[in-house]
Amino acid sequence: MQRSTAYWAANPYRRPEPEPGPTAPYRDLPAGTAGRFRRVRTAVLQLPGVAEQVRFMGTPWGWAWEYSVAQRKLCWLHPVASGSSVTFTLAGDEETKALAIPRLAAPVRQAIVEGQRTGPVKWCWLPLADQRHVDAFLRFVRRKAEWLRAPGGRRRMRV
């Protein structure tokens, strides 16, 4: 998540208190950014087995909307006034499998290729710059949610 401190400073929820409500970004972000945030949040919450937690991620990131499936992290949605974004992780051979997805959208592919590896996990960041980025992310996150729900808790990806 190598963004500048100036980027993260545009998160309206940078202080540990008070905790923002789940829908606060709809009101507190500029209209276009708020609309993309709402679309991603709504779509992710509609995926089977997904749980949401509004979580303080510390300095400089501030509050983020964290999504998981059965205790496994799916993604984090960052409410940033200059343009919200998402972070998702890939572990083990998931990077290779993800990059093998037919017609993987260019913004998601770029996020994976440019991701930052920390031990066995690759952290991938994607700006939600426009509807094309939102659509690309939502297609990918549906796939990721499927592998997290796979029988036996193993991560399997439909390629």
C-alpha atoms as a PDB file:
ATOM      1  CA  MET A   1       0.000   0.000   0.000  1.00  0.00           C
ATOM      2  CA  GLN A   2       2.678   2.456  -1.089  1.00  0.00           C
ATOM      3  CA  ARG A   3       0.616   5.622  -1.413  1.00  0.00           C
ATOM      4  CA  SER A   4       1.873   8.992  -0.356  1.00  0.00           C
ATOM      5  CA  THR A   5       0.953  10.437   3.006  1.00  0.00           C
ATOM      6  CA  ALA A   6      -0.842  13.179   1.047  1.00  0.00           C
ATOM      7  CA  TYR A   7      -3.111  10.527  -0.486  1.00  0.00           C
ATOM      8  CA  TRP A   8      -3.999   9.003   2.890  1.00  0.00           C
ATOM      9  CA  ALA A   9      -4.469  12.485   4.385  1.00  0.00           C
ATOM     10  CA  ALA A  10      -7.567  12.806   2.164  1.00  0.00           C
ATOM     11  CA  ASN A  11      -9.269  10.035   4.196  1.00  0.00           C
ATOM     12  CA  PRO A  12     -11.900  11.960   6.192  1.00  0.00           C
ATOM     13  CA  TYR A  13     -11.649   9.339   8.964  1.00  0.00           C
ATOM     14  CA  ARG A  14      -8.013   9.508  10.053  1.00  0.00           C
ATOM     15  CA  ARG A  15      -8.481   9.767  13.819  1.00  0.00           C
ATOM     16  CA  PRO A  16      -9.131   6.719  16.007  1.00  0.00           C
ATOM     17  CA  GLU A  17     -12.281   8.318  17.435  1.00  0.00           C
ATOM     18  CA  PRO A  18     -15.082   8.578  16.628  1.00  0.00           C
ATOM     19  CA  GLU A  19     -15.701   5.439  14.601  1.00  0.00           C
ATOM     20  CA  PRO A  20     -17.504   6.325  11.357  1.00  0.00           C
ATOM     21  CA  GLY A  21     -20.790   4.608  10.598  1.00  0.00           C
ATOM     22  CA  PRO A  22     -20.815   2.071   7.743  1.00  0.00           C
ATOM     23  CA  THR A  23     -22.583   4.477   5.369  1.00  0.00           C
ATOM     24  CA  ALA A  24     -20.790   7.697   6.458  1.00  0.00           C
ATOM     25  CA  PRO A  25     -18.731   7.926   3.214  1.00  0.00           C
ATOM     26  CA  TYR A  26     -21.960   8.235   1.214  1.00  0.00           C
ATOM     27  CA  ARG A  27     -22.405  11.613   2.900  1.00  0.00           C
ATOM     28  CA  ASP A  28     -18.806  12.682   3.532  1.00  0.00           C
ATOM     29  CA  LEU A  29     -17.114  12.017   0.181  1.00  0.00           C
ATOM     30  CA  PRO A  30     -17.549  14.024  -3.036  1.00  0.00           C
ATOM     31  CA  ALA A  31     -20.544  12.754  -5.063  1.00  0.00           C
ATOM     32  CA  GLY A  32     -18.650  10.738  -7.711  1.00  0.00           C
ATOM     33  CA  THR A  33     -16.305   9.156  -5.194  1.00  0.00           C
ATOM     34  CA  ALA A  34     -19.189   8.442  -2.823  1.00  0.00           C
ATOM     35  CA  GLY A  35     -21.136   6.760  -5.640  1.00  0.00           C
ATOM     36  CA  ARG A  36     -18.241   4.438  -6.501  1.00  0.00           C
ATOM     37  CA  PHE A  37     -17.669   3.699  -2.791  1.00  0.00           C
ATOM     38  CA  ARG A  38     -21.370   2.845  -2.381  1.00  0.00           C
ATOM     39  CA  ARG A  39     -21.404   0.639  -5.475  1.00  0.00           C
ATOM     40  CA  VAL A  40     -18.390  -1.394  -4.344  1.00  0.00           C
ATOM     41  CA  ARG A  41     -19.609  -1.675  -0.736  1.00  0.00           C
ATOM     42  CA  THR A  42     -23.099  -2.762  -1.802  1.00  0.00           C
ATOM     43  CA  ALA A  43     -21.826  -5.336  -4.314  1.00  0.00           C
ATOM     44  CA  VAL A  44     -19.276  -6.836  -1.909  1.00  0.00           C
ATOM     45  CA  LEU A  45     -21.855  -7.116   0.880  1.00  0.00           C
ATOM     46  CA  GLN A  46     -24.162  -9.007  -1.493  1.00  0.00           C
ATOM     47  CA  LEU A  47     -21.580 -11.761  -2.003  1.00  0.00           C
ATOM     48  CA  PRO A  48     -22.466 -14.918  -0.034  1.00  0.00           C
ATOM     49  CA  GLY A  49     -20.769 -15.173   3.364  1.00  0.00           C
ATOM     50  CA  VAL A  50     -19.162 -11.724   3.338  1.00  0.00           C
ATOM     51  CA  ALA A  51     -18.883  -9.816   6.616  1.00  0.00           C
ATOM     52  CA  GLU A  52     -18.031  -6.128   6.963  1.00  0.00           C
ATOM     53  CA  GLN A  53     -16.080  -4.437   9.730  1.00  0.00           C
ATOM     54  CA  VAL A  54     -15.243  -0.730   9.857  1.00  0.00           C
ATOM     55  CA  ARG A  55     -11.718  -0.882  11.242  1.00  0.00           C
ATOM     56  CA  PHE A  56      -9.092   1.628  12.283  1.00  0.00           C
ATOM     57  CA  MET A  57      -5.903   0.742  10.407  1.00  0.00           C
ATOM     58  CA  GLY A  58      -3.605   3.190  12.194  1.00  0.00           C
ATOM     59  CA  THR A  59      -1.523   6.015  10.818  1.00  0.00           C
ATOM     60  CA  PRO A  60      -1.400   7.051   8.020  1.00  0.00           C
ATOM     61  CA  TRP A  61      -4.320   5.003   6.624  1.00  0.00           C
ATOM     62  CA  GLY A  62      -7.068   5.790   9.129  1.00  0.00           C
ATOM     63  CA  TRP A  63     -10.393   3.940   8.971  1.00  0.00           C
ATOM     64  CA  ALA A  64     -11.054   1.331   6.282  1.00  0.00           C
ATOM     65  CA  TRP A  65     -13.969  -0.945   5.485  1.00  0.00           C
ATOM     66  CA  GLU A  66     -12.687  -4.517   5.846  1.00  0.00           C
ATOM     67  CA  TYR A  67     -14.438  -7.475   4.208  1.00  0.00           C
ATOM     68  CA  SER A  68     -13.891 -11.126   4.995  1.00  0.00           C
ATOM     69  CA  VAL A  69     -15.272 -14.543   4.173  1.00  0.00           C
ATOM     70  CA  ALA A  70     -15.111 -17.099   6.993  1.00  0.00           C
ATOM     71  CA  GLN A  71     -12.264 -15.319   8.826  1.00  0.00           C
ATOM     72  CA  ARG A  72     -10.286 -14.892   5.570  1.00  0.00           C
ATOM     73  CA  LYS A  73      -9.665 -11.351   4.340  1.00  0.00           C
ATOM     74  CA  LEU A  74     -11.328 -10.490   1.037  1.00  0.00           C
ATOM     75  CA  CYS A  75     -10.421  -6.792   0.671  1.00  0.00           C
ATOM     76  CA  TRP A  76     -10.301  -3.357   2.281  1.00  0.00           C
ATOM     77  CA  LEU A  77     -12.218  -0.367   0.920  1.00  0.00           C
ATOM     78  CA  HIS A  78     -10.558   2.996   1.597  1.00  0.00           C
ATOM     79  CA  PRO A  79     -12.730   6.145   1.731  1.00  0.00           C
ATOM     80  CA  VAL A  80     -10.470   8.841   0.319  1.00  0.00           C
ATOM     81  CA  ALA A  81     -11.957  12.139  -0.896  1.00  0.00           C
ATOM     82  CA  SER A  82      -9.482  12.442  -3.776  1.00  0.00           C
ATOM     83  CA  GLY A  83     -10.565   9.000  -5.023  1.00  0.00           C
ATOM     84  CA  SER A  84     -11.421   5.917  -2.999  1.00  0.00           C
ATOM     85  CA  SER A  85      -9.476   2.711  -3.486  1.00  0.00           C
ATOM     86  CA  VAL A  86      -9.340  -0.962  -2.556  1.00  0.00           C
ATOM     87  CA  THR A  87      -6.582  -3.197  -1.284  1.00  0.00           C
ATOM     88  CA  PHE A  88      -6.650  -6.964  -1.682  1.00  0.00           C
ATOM     89  CA  THR A  89      -4.130  -9.649  -0.862  1.00  0.00           C
ATOM     90  CA  LEU A  90      -2.878 -12.727  -2.669  1.00  0.00           C
ATOM     91  CA  ALA A  91      -1.045 -15.540  -0.894  1.00  0.00           C
ATOM     92  CA  GLY A  92       1.002 -18.497  -2.110  1.00  0.00           C
ATOM     93  CA  ASP A  93       0.330 -19.392  -5.730  1.00  0.00           C
ATOM     94  CA  GLU A  94      -2.755 -17.145  -5.944  1.00  0.00           C
ATOM     95  CA  GLU A  95      -0.841 -14.491  -7.859  1.00  0.00           C
ATOM     96  CA  THR A  96      -0.056 -16.928 -10.663  1.00  0.00           C
ATOM     97  CA  LYS A  97      -3.640 -18.205 -10.697  1.00  0.00           C
ATOM     98  CA  ALA A  98      -5.075 -14.688 -10.674  1.00  0.00           C
ATOM     99  CA  LEU A  99      -2.876 -13.583 -13.559  1.00  0.00           C
ATOM    100  CA  ALA A 100      -4.023 -16.680 -15.497  1.00  0.00           C
ATOM    101  CA  ILE A 101      -7.694 -15.615 -15.390  1.00  0.00           C
ATOM    102  CA  PRO A 102      -8.864 -15.208 -18.977  1.00  0.00           C
ATOM    103  CA  ARG A 103      -9.642 -11.586 -19.820  1.00  0.00           C
ATOM    104  CA  LEU A 104      -8.423 -10.315 -16.444  1.00  0.00           C
ATOM    105  CA  ALA A 105      -9.059  -6.571 -16.604  1.00  0.00           C
ATOM    106  CA  ALA A 106      -5.973  -4.408 -17.117  1.00  0.00           C
ATOM    107  CA  PRO A 107      -6.424  -2.328 -13.923  1.00  0.00           C
ATOM    108  CA  VAL A 108      -6.584  -5.490 -11.770  1.00  0.00           C
ATOM    109  CA  ARG A 109      -3.629  -7.052 -13.613  1.00  0.00           C
ATOM    110  CA  GLN A 110      -1.627  -3.861 -13.044  1.00  0.00           C
ATOM    111  CA  ALA A 111      -2.539  -3.832  -9.336  1.00  0.00           C
ATOM    112  CA  ILE A 112      -1.316  -7.428  -9.012  1.00  0.00           C
ATOM    113  CA  VAL A 113       1.916  -6.893 -10.955  1.00  0.00           C
ATOM    114  CA  GLU A 114       2.736  -3.710  -9.020  1.00  0.00           C
ATOM    115  CA  GLY A 115       1.702  -5.148  -5.633  1.00  0.00           C
ATOM    116  CA  GLN A 116       4.024  -5.150  -2.655  1.00  0.00           C
ATOM    117  CA  ARG A 117       5.090  -8.504  -1.234  1.00  0.00           C
ATOM    118  CA  THR A 118       5.366  -8.877   2.531  1.00  0.00           C
ATOM    119  CA  GLY A 119       6.479 -12.410   3.304  1.00  0.00           C
ATOM    120  CA  PRO A 120       4.086 -14.878   1.642  1.00  0.00           C
ATOM    121  CA  VAL A 121       1.410 -12.228   0.970  1.00  0.00           C
ATOM    122  CA  LYS A 122       1.209  -9.768  -1.895  1.00  0.00           C
ATOM    123  CA  TRP A 123      -0.682  -6.530  -1.156  1.00  0.00           C
ATOM    124  CA  CYS A 124      -2.399  -5.114  -4.222  1.00  0.00           C
ATOM    125  CA  TRP A 125      -3.867  -1.603  -4.403  1.00  0.00           C
ATOM    126  CA  LEU A 126      -6.398  -0.425  -6.975  1.00  0.00           C
ATOM    127  CA  PRO A 127      -7.773   3.098  -7.321  1.00  0.00           C
ATOM    128  CA  LEU A 128     -11.508   3.291  -7.963  1.00  0.00           C
ATOM    129  CA  ALA A 129     -10.874   6.085 -10.443  1.00  0.00           C
ATOM    130  CA  ASP A 130     -13.939   5.468 -12.595  1.00  0.00           C
ATOM    131  CA  GLN A 131     -16.699   2.942 -13.317  1.00  0.00           C
ATOM    132  CA  ARG A 132     -14.321   0.858 -15.449  1.00  0.00           C
ATOM    133  CA  HIS A 133     -12.071   0.301 -12.431  1.00  0.00           C
ATOM    134  CA  VAL A 134     -15.087  -0.470 -10.233  1.00  0.00           C
ATOM    135  CA  ASP A 135     -16.420  -3.024 -12.747  1.00  0.00           C
ATOM    136  CA  ALA A 136     -12.988  -4.640 -13.071  1.00  0.00           C
ATOM    137  CA  PHE A 137     -12.565  -4.937  -9.324  1.00  0.00           C
ATOM    138  CA  LEU A 138     -16.061  -6.331  -8.790  1.00  0.00           C
ATOM    139  CA  ARG A 139     -15.493  -9.057 -11.405  1.00  0.00           C
ATOM    140  CA  PHE A 140     -12.241  -9.996  -9.667  1.00  0.00           C
ATOM    141  CA  VAL A 141     -13.536  -9.852  -6.085  1.00  0.00           C
ATOM    142  CA  ARG A 142     -16.430 -12.186  -6.981  1.00  0.00           C
ATOM    143  CA  ARG A 143     -13.826 -14.726  -8.072  1.00  0.00           C
ATOM    144  CA  LYS A 144     -11.733 -14.219  -4.974  1.00  0.00           C
ATOM    145  CA  ALA A 145     -14.804 -14.686  -2.734  1.00  0.00           C
ATOM    146  CA  GLU A 146     -15.503 -18.003  -4.506  1.00  0.00           C
ATOM    147  CA  TRP A 147     -12.046 -19.415  -3.720  1.00  0.00           C
ATOM    148  CA  LEU A 148     -12.295 -18.268  -0.105  1.00  0.00           C
ATOM    149  CA  ARG A 149     -15.608 -20.140   0.209  1.00  0.00           C
ATOM    150  CA  ALA A 150     -14.253 -23.275  -1.484  1.00  0.00           C
ATOM    151  CA  PRO A 151     -14.795 -26.570   0.417  1.00  0.00           C
ATOM    152  CA  GLY A 152     -12.201 -27.377   3.027  1.00  0.00           C
ATOM    153  CA  GLY A 153     -11.142 -23.750   3.360  1.00  0.00           C
ATOM    154  CA  ARG A 154      -8.623 -24.181   0.572  1.00  0.00           C
ATOM    155  CA  ARG A 155      -8.213 -21.356  -1.857  1.00  0.00           C
ATOM    156  CA  ARG A 156      -9.245 -22.546  -5.275  1.00  0.00           C
ATOM    157  CA  MET A 157      -9.680 -20.233  -8.171  1.00  0.00           C
ATOM    158  CA  ARG A 158     -11.859 -20.888 -11.172  1.00  0.00           C
ATOM    159  CA  VAL A 159      -9.710 -20.043 -14.171  1.00  0.00           C
END
